[in-house]
All heavy atoms as atom14 arrays in JSON, in Angstrom:
{
  "sequence": "AEARLAARLKDGLSLKEAAAELGISVNTARNQIRSVFEKLGVN",
  "atom14_mask": [
    [1, 1, 1, 1, 1, 0, 0, 0, 0, 0, 0, 0, 0, 0],
    [1, 1, 1, 1, 1, 1, 1, 1, 1, 0, 0, 0, 0, 0],
    [1, 1, 1, 1, 1, 0, 0, 0, 0, 0, 0, 0, 0, 0],
    [1, 1, 1, 1, 1, 1, 1, 1, 1, 1, 1, 0, 0, 0],
    [1, 1, 1, 1, 1, 1, 1, 1, 0, 0, 0, 0, 0, 0],
    [1, 1, 1, 1, 1, 0, 0, 0, 0, 0, 0, 0, 0, 0],
    [1, 1, 1, 1, 1, 0, 0, 0, 0, 0, 0, 0, 0, 0],
    [1, 1, 1, 1, 1, 1, 1, 1, 1, 1, 1, 0, 0, 0],
    [1, 1, 1, 1, 1, 1, 1, 1, 0, 0, 0, 0, 0, 0],
    [1, 1, 1, 1, 1, 1, 1, 1, 1, 0, 0, 0, 0, 0],
    [1, 1, 1, 1, 1, 1, 1, 1, 0, 0, 0, 0, 0, 0],
    [1, 1, 1, 1, 0, 0, 0, 0, 0, 0, 0, 0, 0, 0],
    [1, 1, 1, 1, 1, 1, 1, 1, 0, 0, 0, 0, 0, 0],
    [1, 1, 1, 1, 1, 1, 0, 0, 0, 0, 0, 0, 0, 0],
    [1, 1, 1, 1, 1, 1, 1, 1, 0, 0, 0, 0, 0, 0],
    [1, 1, 1, 1, 1, 1, 1, 1, 1, 0, 0, 0, 0, 0],
    [1, 1, 1, 1, 1, 1, 1, 1, 1, 0, 0, 0, 0, 0],
    [1, 1, 1, 1, 1, 0, 0, 0, 0, 0, 0, 0, 0, 0],
    [1, 1, 1, 1, 1, 0, 0, 0, 0, 0, 0, 0, 0, 0],
    [1, 1, 1, 1, 1, 0, 0, 0, 0, 0, 0, 0, 0, 0],
    [1, 1, 1, 1, 1, 1, 1, 1, 1, 0, 0, 0, 0, 0],
    [1, 1, 1, 1, 1, 1, 1, 1, 0, 0, 0, 0, 0, 0],
    [1, 1, 1, 1, 0, 0, 0, 0, 0, 0, 0, 0, 0, 0],
    [1, 1, 1, 1, 1, 1, 1, 1, 0, 0, 0, 0, 0, 0],
    [1, 1, 1, 1, 1, 1, 0, 0, 0, 0, 0, 0, 0, 0],
    [1, 1, 1, 1, 1, 1, 1, 0, 0, 0, 0, 0, 0, 0],
    [1, 1, 1, 1, 1, 1, 1, 1, 0, 0, 0, 0, 0, 0],
    [1, 1, 1, 1, 1, 1, 1, 0, 0, 0, 0, 0, 0, 0],
    [1, 1, 1, 1, 1, 0, 0, 0, 0, 0, 0, 0, 0, 0],
    [1, 1, 1, 1, 1, 1, 1, 1, 1, 1, 1, 0, 0, 0],
    [1, 1, 1, 1, 1, 1, 1, 1, 0, 0, 0, 0, 0, 0],
    [1, 1, 1, 1, 1, 1, 1, 1, 1, 0, 0, 0, 0, 0],
    [1, 1, 1, 1, 1, 1, 1, 1, 0, 0, 0, 0, 0, 0],
    [1, 1, 1, 1, 1, 1, 1, 1, 1, 1, 1, 0, 0, 0],
    [1, 1, 1, 1, 1, 1, 0, 0, 0, 0, 0, 0, 0, 0],
    [1, 1, 1, 1, 1, 1, 1, 0, 0, 0, 0, 0, 0, 0],
    [1, 1, 1, 1, 1, 1, 1, 1, 1, 1, 1, 0, 0, 0],
    [1, 1, 1, 1, 1, 1, 1, 1, 1, 0, 0, 0, 0, 0],
    [1, 1, 1, 1, 1, 1, 1, 1, 1, 0, 0, 0, 0, 0],
    [1, 1, 1, 1, 1, 1, 1, 1, 0, 0, 0, 0, 0, 0],
    [1, 1, 1, 1, 0, 0, 0, 0, 0, 0, 0, 0, 0, 0],
    [1, 1, 1, 1, 1, 1, 1, 0, 0, 0, 0, 0, 0, 0],
    [1, 1, 1, 1, 1, 1, 1, 1, 0, 0, 0, 0, 0, 0]
  ],
  "atom14_positions": [
    [[52.28, 79.1, 80.15], [51.78, 78.18, 79.27], [52.37, 78.71, 77.77], [52.74, 77.84, 76.96], [50.38, 78.17, 79.27], [0.0, 0.0, 0.0], [0.0, 0.0, 0.0], [0.0, 0.0, 0.0], [0.0, 0.0, 0.0], [0.0, 0.0, 0.0], [0.0, 0.0, 0.0], [0.0, 0.0, 0.0], [0.0, 0.0, 0.0], [0.0, 0.0, 0.0]],
    [[52.3, 80.06, 77.6], [52.78, 80.53, 76.36], [54.3, 80.28, 76.15], [54.75, 79.93, 75.04], [52.56, 82.04, 76.31], [51.18, 82.4, 76.22], [50.79, 83.91, 76.52], [51.82, 84.56, 76.94], [49.76, 84.41, 76.36], [0.0, 0.0, 0.0], [0.0, 0.0, 0.0], [0.0, 0.0, 0.0], [0.0, 0.0, 0.0], [0.0, 0.0, 0.0]],
    [[55.12, 80.34, 77.22], [56.44, 80.17, 77.13], [56.84, 78.75, 76.91], [57.65, 78.5, 76.07], [57.21, 80.58, 78.51], [0.0, 0.0, 0.0], [0.0, 0.0, 0.0], [0.0, 0.0, 0.0], [0.0, 0.0, 0.0], [0.0, 0.0, 0.0], [0.0, 0.0, 0.0], [0.0, 0.0, 0.0], [0.0, 0.0, 0.0], [0.0, 0.0, 0.0]],
    [[56.1, 77.73, 77.41], [56.37, 76.35, 77.14], [55.99, 76.08, 75.65], [56.65, 75.33, 75.01], [55.36, 75.47, 78.05], [55.82, 75.42, 79.52], [55.13, 74.32, 80.2], [53.67, 74.55, 80.44], [53.08, 75.22, 81.42], [53.86, 75.77, 82.44], [51.87, 75.45, 81.4], [0.0, 0.0, 0.0], [0.0, 0.0, 0.0], [0.0, 0.0, 0.0]],
    [[54.88, 76.6, 75.11], [54.55, 76.49, 73.74], [55.66, 77.07, 72.82], [56.1, 76.39, 71.77], [53.23, 77.03, 73.35], [52.82, 76.93, 71.98], [52.67, 75.57, 71.5], [51.42, 77.79, 71.76], [0.0, 0.0, 0.0], [0.0, 0.0, 0.0], [0.0, 0.0, 0.0], [0.0, 0.0, 0.0], [0.0, 0.0, 0.0], [0.0, 0.0, 0.0]],
    [[56.03, 78.26, 73.16], [57.1, 78.98, 72.33], [58.4, 78.14, 72.29], [59.08, 78.1, 71.32], [57.36, 80.4, 72.89], [0.0, 0.0, 0.0], [0.0, 0.0, 0.0], [0.0, 0.0, 0.0], [0.0, 0.0, 0.0], [0.0, 0.0, 0.0], [0.0, 0.0, 0.0], [0.0, 0.0, 0.0], [0.0, 0.0, 0.0], [0.0, 0.0, 0.0]],
    [[58.81, 77.62, 73.49], [60.13, 76.87, 73.51], [59.97, 75.59, 72.66], [60.97, 75.33, 71.9], [60.3, 76.27, 74.97], [0.0, 0.0, 0.0], [0.0, 0.0, 0.0], [0.0, 0.0, 0.0], [0.0, 0.0, 0.0], [0.0, 0.0, 0.0], [0.0, 0.0, 0.0], [0.0, 0.0, 0.0], [0.0, 0.0, 0.0], [0.0, 0.0, 0.0]],
    [[58.81, 74.89, 72.52], [58.65, 73.76, 71.64], [58.66, 74.24, 70.19], [59.25, 73.45, 69.27], [57.52, 72.91, 72.05], [57.69, 72.17, 73.31], [56.48, 71.79, 74.1], [56.82, 70.92, 75.29], [57.26, 71.4, 76.31], [57.53, 72.69, 76.48], [57.61, 70.56, 77.39], [0.0, 0.0, 0.0], [0.0, 0.0, 0.0], [0.0, 0.0, 0.0]],
    [[58.06, 75.21, 69.9], [58.03, 75.75, 68.48], [59.51, 76.21, 68.06], [59.85, 75.81, 66.82], [57.17, 77.02, 68.3], [55.63, 76.66, 68.51], [54.87, 77.97, 68.35], [55.06, 75.68, 67.43], [0.0, 0.0, 0.0], [0.0, 0.0, 0.0], [0.0, 0.0, 0.0], [0.0, 0.0, 0.0], [0.0, 0.0, 0.0], [0.0, 0.0, 0.0]],
    [[60.22, 76.74, 68.9], [61.57, 77.15, 68.67], [62.51, 75.98, 68.31], [63.37, 75.88, 67.53], [62.17, 77.82, 69.77], [63.57, 78.44, 69.54], [64.81, 77.57, 70.04], [64.62, 77.44, 71.51], [65.73, 76.45, 72.08], [0.0, 0.0, 0.0], [0.0, 0.0, 0.0], [0.0, 0.0, 0.0], [0.0, 0.0, 0.0], [0.0, 0.0, 0.0]],
    [[62.06, 74.75, 69.08], [62.91, 73.5, 68.88], [62.55, 72.76, 67.62], [62.94, 71.67, 67.37], [62.74, 72.65, 70.06], [63.61, 73.29, 71.27], [64.63, 73.96, 70.97], [63.28, 72.79, 72.42], [0.0, 0.0, 0.0], [0.0, 0.0, 0.0], [0.0, 0.0, 0.0], [0.0, 0.0, 0.0], [0.0, 0.0, 0.0], [0.0, 0.0, 0.0]],
    [[61.54, 73.29, 66.8], [61.24, 72.69, 65.59], [59.96, 71.88, 65.43], [59.62, 71.32, 64.4], [0.0, 0.0, 0.0], [0.0, 0.0, 0.0], [0.0, 0.0, 0.0], [0.0, 0.0, 0.0], [0.0, 0.0, 0.0], [0.0, 0.0, 0.0], [0.0, 0.0, 0.0], [0.0, 0.0, 0.0], [0.0, 0.0, 0.0], [0.0, 0.0, 0.0]],
    [[59.16, 71.82, 66.46], [57.86, 71.14, 66.43], [56.81, 71.99, 65.71], [56.82, 73.21, 65.82], [57.28, 70.82, 67.95], [58.31, 69.9, 68.83], [57.47, 69.66, 70.09], [58.58, 68.56, 68.08], [0.0, 0.0, 0.0], [0.0, 0.0, 0.0], [0.0, 0.0, 0.0], [0.0, 0.0, 0.0], [0.0, 0.0, 0.0], [0.0, 0.0, 0.0]],
    [[56.07, 71.33, 65.1], [54.82, 72.06, 64.57], [53.83, 72.39, 65.68], [53.92, 71.89, 66.76], [54.04, 71.29, 63.47], [53.44, 70.08, 64.02], [0.0, 0.0, 0.0], [0.0, 0.0, 0.0], [0.0, 0.0, 0.0], [0.0, 0.0, 0.0], [0.0, 0.0, 0.0], [0.0, 0.0, 0.0], [0.0, 0.0, 0.0], [0.0, 0.0, 0.0]],
    [[52.89, 73.24, 65.3], [51.93, 73.63, 66.31], [51.07, 72.38, 66.78], [50.83, 72.27, 67.95], [50.87, 74.65, 65.75], [50.12, 75.46, 66.76], [51.0, 76.33, 67.64], [48.98, 76.29, 66.04], [0.0, 0.0, 0.0], [0.0, 0.0, 0.0], [0.0, 0.0, 0.0], [0.0, 0.0, 0.0], [0.0, 0.0, 0.0], [0.0, 0.0, 0.0]],
    [[50.84, 71.5, 65.78], [50.04, 70.24, 66.26], [50.96, 69.35, 67.23], [50.5, 68.82, 68.18], [49.66, 69.61, 64.9], [48.73, 68.31, 65.25], [48.36, 67.68, 63.91], [47.61, 66.45, 64.15], [47.19, 65.75, 63.01], [0.0, 0.0, 0.0], [0.0, 0.0, 0.0], [0.0, 0.0, 0.0], [0.0, 0.0, 0.0], [0.0, 0.0, 0.0]],
    [[52.22, 69.31, 66.72], [53.14, 68.34, 67.63], [53.29, 68.93, 68.99], [53.3, 68.22, 70.02], [54.48, 68.26, 66.88], [54.23, 67.4, 65.67], [55.59, 67.58, 64.79], [56.39, 68.47, 64.87], [55.9, 66.62, 63.91], [0.0, 0.0, 0.0], [0.0, 0.0, 0.0], [0.0, 0.0, 0.0], [0.0, 0.0, 0.0], [0.0, 0.0, 0.0]],
    [[53.47, 70.29, 69.02], [53.72, 71.01, 70.31], [52.5, 70.83, 71.12], [52.56, 70.49, 72.34], [54.06, 72.39, 70.04], [0.0, 0.0, 0.0], [0.0, 0.0, 0.0], [0.0, 0.0, 0.0], [0.0, 0.0, 0.0], [0.0, 0.0, 0.0], [0.0, 0.0, 0.0], [0.0, 0.0, 0.0], [0.0, 0.0, 0.0], [0.0, 0.0, 0.0]],
    [[51.24, 70.96, 70.56], [50.02, 70.81, 71.37], [49.8, 69.35, 71.99], [49.56, 69.2, 73.14], [48.83, 71.11, 70.53], [0.0, 0.0, 0.0], [0.0, 0.0, 0.0], [0.0, 0.0, 0.0], [0.0, 0.0, 0.0], [0.0, 0.0, 0.0], [0.0, 0.0, 0.0], [0.0, 0.0, 0.0], [0.0, 0.0, 0.0], [0.0, 0.0, 0.0]],
    [[50.21, 68.42, 71.07], [50.1, 67.02, 71.6], [51.1, 66.74, 72.76], [50.78, 66.12, 73.74], [50.41, 66.11, 70.38], [0.0, 0.0, 0.0], [0.0, 0.0, 0.0], [0.0, 0.0, 0.0], [0.0, 0.0, 0.0], [0.0, 0.0, 0.0], [0.0, 0.0, 0.0], [0.0, 0.0, 0.0], [0.0, 0.0, 0.0], [0.0, 0.0, 0.0]],
    [[52.41, 67.22, 72.61], [53.28, 67.06, 73.71], [53.0, 67.81, 74.98], [53.28, 67.23, 75.98], [54.76, 67.62, 73.21], [55.84, 67.25, 74.03], [57.24, 67.65, 73.56], [57.56, 67.02, 72.43], [57.89, 68.35, 74.2], [0.0, 0.0, 0.0], [0.0, 0.0, 0.0], [0.0, 0.0, 0.0], [0.0, 0.0, 0.0], [0.0, 0.0, 0.0]],
    [[52.24, 68.88, 74.87], [51.84, 69.64, 76.03], [50.56, 69.1, 76.53], [50.13, 69.68, 77.58], [51.82, 71.14, 75.69], [53.2, 71.87, 75.4], [52.96, 73.23, 74.9], [53.95, 71.92, 76.7], [0.0, 0.0, 0.0], [0.0, 0.0, 0.0], [0.0, 0.0, 0.0], [0.0, 0.0, 0.0], [0.0, 0.0, 0.0], [0.0, 0.0, 0.0]],
    [[49.88, 68.27, 75.84], [48.58, 67.79, 76.32], [47.51, 68.77, 76.31], [46.57, 68.82, 77.06], [0.0, 0.0, 0.0], [0.0, 0.0, 0.0], [0.0, 0.0, 0.0], [0.0, 0.0, 0.0], [0.0, 0.0, 0.0], [0.0, 0.0, 0.0], [0.0, 0.0, 0.0], [0.0, 0.0, 0.0], [0.0, 0.0, 0.0], [0.0, 0.0, 0.0]],
    [[47.55, 69.66, 75.15], [46.46, 70.75, 74.94], [45.97, 70.56, 73.57], [46.46, 69.98, 72.73], [46.99, 72.19, 75.21], [48.13, 72.49, 74.13], [47.5, 72.47, 76.56], [48.68, 73.84, 74.23], [0.0, 0.0, 0.0], [0.0, 0.0, 0.0], [0.0, 0.0, 0.0], [0.0, 0.0, 0.0], [0.0, 0.0, 0.0], [0.0, 0.0, 0.0]],
    [[44.81, 71.15, 73.34], [44.14, 71.15, 72.02], [44.79, 72.09, 71.1], [45.48, 72.94, 71.5], [42.68, 71.39, 72.14], [42.5, 72.79, 72.4], [0.0, 0.0, 0.0], [0.0, 0.0, 0.0], [0.0, 0.0, 0.0], [0.0, 0.0, 0.0], [0.0, 0.0, 0.0], [0.0, 0.0, 0.0], [0.0, 0.0, 0.0], [0.0, 0.0, 0.0]],
    [[44.72, 71.7, 69.87], [45.29, 72.52, 68.73], [44.65, 73.94, 68.82], [45.41, 74.93, 68.72], [45.16, 72.03, 67.38], [45.72, 72.91, 66.26], [45.92, 70.63, 67.29], [0.0, 0.0, 0.0], [0.0, 0.0, 0.0], [0.0, 0.0, 0.0], [0.0, 0.0, 0.0], [0.0, 0.0, 0.0], [0.0, 0.0, 0.0], [0.0, 0.0, 0.0]],
    [[43.4, 74.0, 69.13], [42.74, 75.42, 69.22], [43.25, 76.15, 70.39], [43.57, 77.42, 70.21], [41.23, 75.15, 69.39], [40.42, 76.53, 69.22], [40.62, 77.14, 68.27], [39.66, 76.72, 70.23], [0.0, 0.0, 0.0], [0.0, 0.0, 0.0], [0.0, 0.0, 0.0], [0.0, 0.0, 0.0], [0.0, 0.0, 0.0], [0.0, 0.0, 0.0]],
    [[43.48, 75.51, 71.46], [44.22, 76.21, 72.6], [45.57, 76.74, 72.26], [45.89, 77.81, 72.63], [44.26, 75.21, 73.89], [43.01, 75.01, 74.29], [44.98, 76.01, 75.02], [0.0, 0.0, 0.0], [0.0, 0.0, 0.0], [0.0, 0.0, 0.0], [0.0, 0.0, 0.0], [0.0, 0.0, 0.0], [0.0, 0.0, 0.0], [0.0, 0.0, 0.0]],
    [[46.25, 75.92, 71.51], [47.59, 76.31, 71.08], [47.52, 77.52, 70.17], [48.46, 78.41, 70.3], [48.38, 75.12, 70.41], [0.0, 0.0, 0.0], [0.0, 0.0, 0.0], [0.0, 0.0, 0.0], [0.0, 0.0, 0.0], [0.0, 0.0, 0.0], [0.0, 0.0, 0.0], [0.0, 0.0, 0.0], [0.0, 0.0, 0.0], [0.0, 0.0, 0.0]],
    [[46.64, 77.48, 69.35], [46.43, 78.58, 68.42], [46.16, 79.99, 69.24], [46.67, 81.03, 68.87], [45.24, 78.37, 67.4], [45.61, 77.23, 66.26], [44.67, 77.47, 65.22], [44.84, 76.38, 64.08], [44.21, 75.21, 64.13], [43.15, 75.02, 65.01], [44.44, 74.38, 63.27], [0.0, 0.0, 0.0], [0.0, 0.0, 0.0], [0.0, 0.0, 0.0]],
    [[45.28, 79.83, 70.18], [44.94, 81.01, 70.93], [46.27, 81.52, 71.67], [46.39, 82.8, 71.78], [43.81, 80.67, 72.02], [42.53, 80.4, 71.3], [42.24, 81.03, 70.27], [41.63, 79.64, 71.89], [0.0, 0.0, 0.0], [0.0, 0.0, 0.0], [0.0, 0.0, 0.0], [0.0, 0.0, 0.0], [0.0, 0.0, 0.0], [0.0, 0.0, 0.0]],
    [[47.02, 80.61, 72.2], [48.18, 80.98, 72.87], [49.22, 81.65, 72.0], [49.91, 82.57, 72.39], [48.85, 79.79, 73.66], [47.96, 79.25, 74.8], [48.68, 77.92, 75.47], [49.64, 77.46, 74.93], [48.03, 77.53, 76.52], [0.0, 0.0, 0.0], [0.0, 0.0, 0.0], [0.0, 0.0, 0.0], [0.0, 0.0, 0.0], [0.0, 0.0, 0.0]],
    [[49.39, 81.09, 70.69], [50.31, 81.63, 69.82], [49.91, 83.01, 69.39], [50.8, 83.86, 69.17], [50.58, 80.67, 68.69], [51.96, 80.88, 68.06], [49.6, 80.95, 67.6], [53.09, 80.47, 69.21], [0.0, 0.0, 0.0], [0.0, 0.0, 0.0], [0.0, 0.0, 0.0], [0.0, 0.0, 0.0], [0.0, 0.0, 0.0], [0.0, 0.0, 0.0]],
    [[48.56, 83.32, 69.34], [48.21, 84.56, 68.92], [48.62, 85.59, 70.02], [48.99, 86.78, 69.72], [46.67, 84.6, 68.7], [46.25, 84.13, 67.29], [44.77, 84.68, 67.1], [43.85, 83.8, 67.8], [43.33, 82.64, 67.53], [43.66, 82.18, 66.24], [42.45, 82.1, 68.25], [0.0, 0.0, 0.0], [0.0, 0.0, 0.0], [0.0, 0.0, 0.0]],
    [[48.52, 85.18, 71.24], [48.87, 86.08, 72.37], [50.33, 86.3, 72.3], [50.83, 87.48, 72.45], [48.53, 85.46, 73.77], [49.0, 86.27, 74.73], [0.0, 0.0, 0.0], [0.0, 0.0, 0.0], [0.0, 0.0, 0.0], [0.0, 0.0, 0.0], [0.0, 0.0, 0.0], [0.0, 0.0, 0.0], [0.0, 0.0, 0.0], [0.0, 0.0, 0.0]],
    [[51.12, 85.28, 71.91], [52.62, 85.46, 71.88], [52.95, 86.35, 70.84], [53.94, 87.25, 70.88], [53.25, 84.09, 71.63], [54.8, 84.23, 71.39], [53.09, 83.14, 72.82], [0.0, 0.0, 0.0], [0.0, 0.0, 0.0], [0.0, 0.0, 0.0], [0.0, 0.0, 0.0], [0.0, 0.0, 0.0], [0.0, 0.0, 0.0], [0.0, 0.0, 0.0]],
    [[52.23, 86.18, 69.58], [52.47, 87.2, 68.53], [52.35, 88.58, 68.91], [53.13, 89.45, 68.6], [51.58, 86.97, 67.34], [51.77, 85.62, 66.52], [50.95, 85.24, 65.63], [53.07, 84.94, 66.84], [51.23, 84.13, 64.83], [53.21, 83.87, 65.94], [52.48, 83.47, 64.98], [0.0, 0.0, 0.0], [0.0, 0.0, 0.0], [0.0, 0.0, 0.0]],
    [[51.38, 88.94, 69.79], [51.1, 90.25, 70.11], [52.24, 90.82, 71.06], [52.53, 91.87, 70.9], [49.68, 90.24, 70.85], [48.63, 90.13, 69.95], [47.23, 90.06, 70.69], [47.16, 90.09, 71.9], [46.21, 89.77, 70.1], [0.0, 0.0, 0.0], [0.0, 0.0, 0.0], [0.0, 0.0, 0.0], [0.0, 0.0, 0.0], [0.0, 0.0, 0.0]],
    [[52.65, 89.96, 71.93], [53.63, 90.39, 72.91], [54.98, 90.58, 72.26], [55.8, 91.37, 72.79], [53.81, 89.31, 74.07], [52.41, 89.26, 74.97], [52.64, 88.27, 76.07], [51.38, 88.31, 76.93], [51.38, 87.27, 78.02], [0.0, 0.0, 0.0], [0.0, 0.0, 0.0], [0.0, 0.0, 0.0], [0.0, 0.0, 0.0], [0.0, 0.0, 0.0]],
    [[55.23, 89.88, 71.3], [56.54, 89.97, 70.64], [56.51, 90.96, 69.46], [57.59, 91.22, 68.88], [57.17, 88.59, 70.15], [58.05, 87.95, 71.11], [57.27, 87.39, 72.25], [58.7, 86.61, 70.36], [0.0, 0.0, 0.0], [0.0, 0.0, 0.0], [0.0, 0.0, 0.0], [0.0, 0.0, 0.0], [0.0, 0.0, 0.0], [0.0, 0.0, 0.0]],
    [[55.31, 91.43, 69.04], [55.26, 92.39, 68.0], [55.46, 91.73, 66.67], [55.95, 92.19, 65.71], [0.0, 0.0, 0.0], [0.0, 0.0, 0.0], [0.0, 0.0, 0.0], [0.0, 0.0, 0.0], [0.0, 0.0, 0.0], [0.0, 0.0, 0.0], [0.0, 0.0, 0.0], [0.0, 0.0, 0.0], [0.0, 0.0, 0.0], [0.0, 0.0, 0.0]],
    [[55.01, 90.45, 66.47], [55.19, 89.79, 65.11], [53.87, 89.23, 64.83], [52.89, 89.2, 65.55], [56.22, 88.57, 65.31], [57.62, 89.06, 65.7], [55.68, 87.55, 66.23], [0.0, 0.0, 0.0], [0.0, 0.0, 0.0], [0.0, 0.0, 0.0], [0.0, 0.0, 0.0], [0.0, 0.0, 0.0], [0.0, 0.0, 0.0], [0.0, 0.0, 0.0]],
    [[53.71, 88.95, 63.53], [52.39, 88.36, 62.98], [52.65, 87.12, 62.21], [51.72, 86.65, 61.5], [51.69, 89.36, 62.18], [52.54, 89.96, 61.04], [53.53, 89.3, 60.61], [52.25, 91.2, 60.64], [0.0, 0.0, 0.0], [0.0, 0.0, 0.0], [0.0, 0.0, 0.0], [0.0, 0.0, 0.0], [0.0, 0.0, 0.0], [0.0, 0.0, 0.0]]
  ]
}
């Protein structure tokens, strides 16, 4: 799930647009992106 979201952000979608394309809530996308930040060591 995190990888699918990351791939869409990399392709230029906003968090809201990526969430809509993946069929998840923006809040769920925010939680996933926080986890991605931790794993990649970025903030």
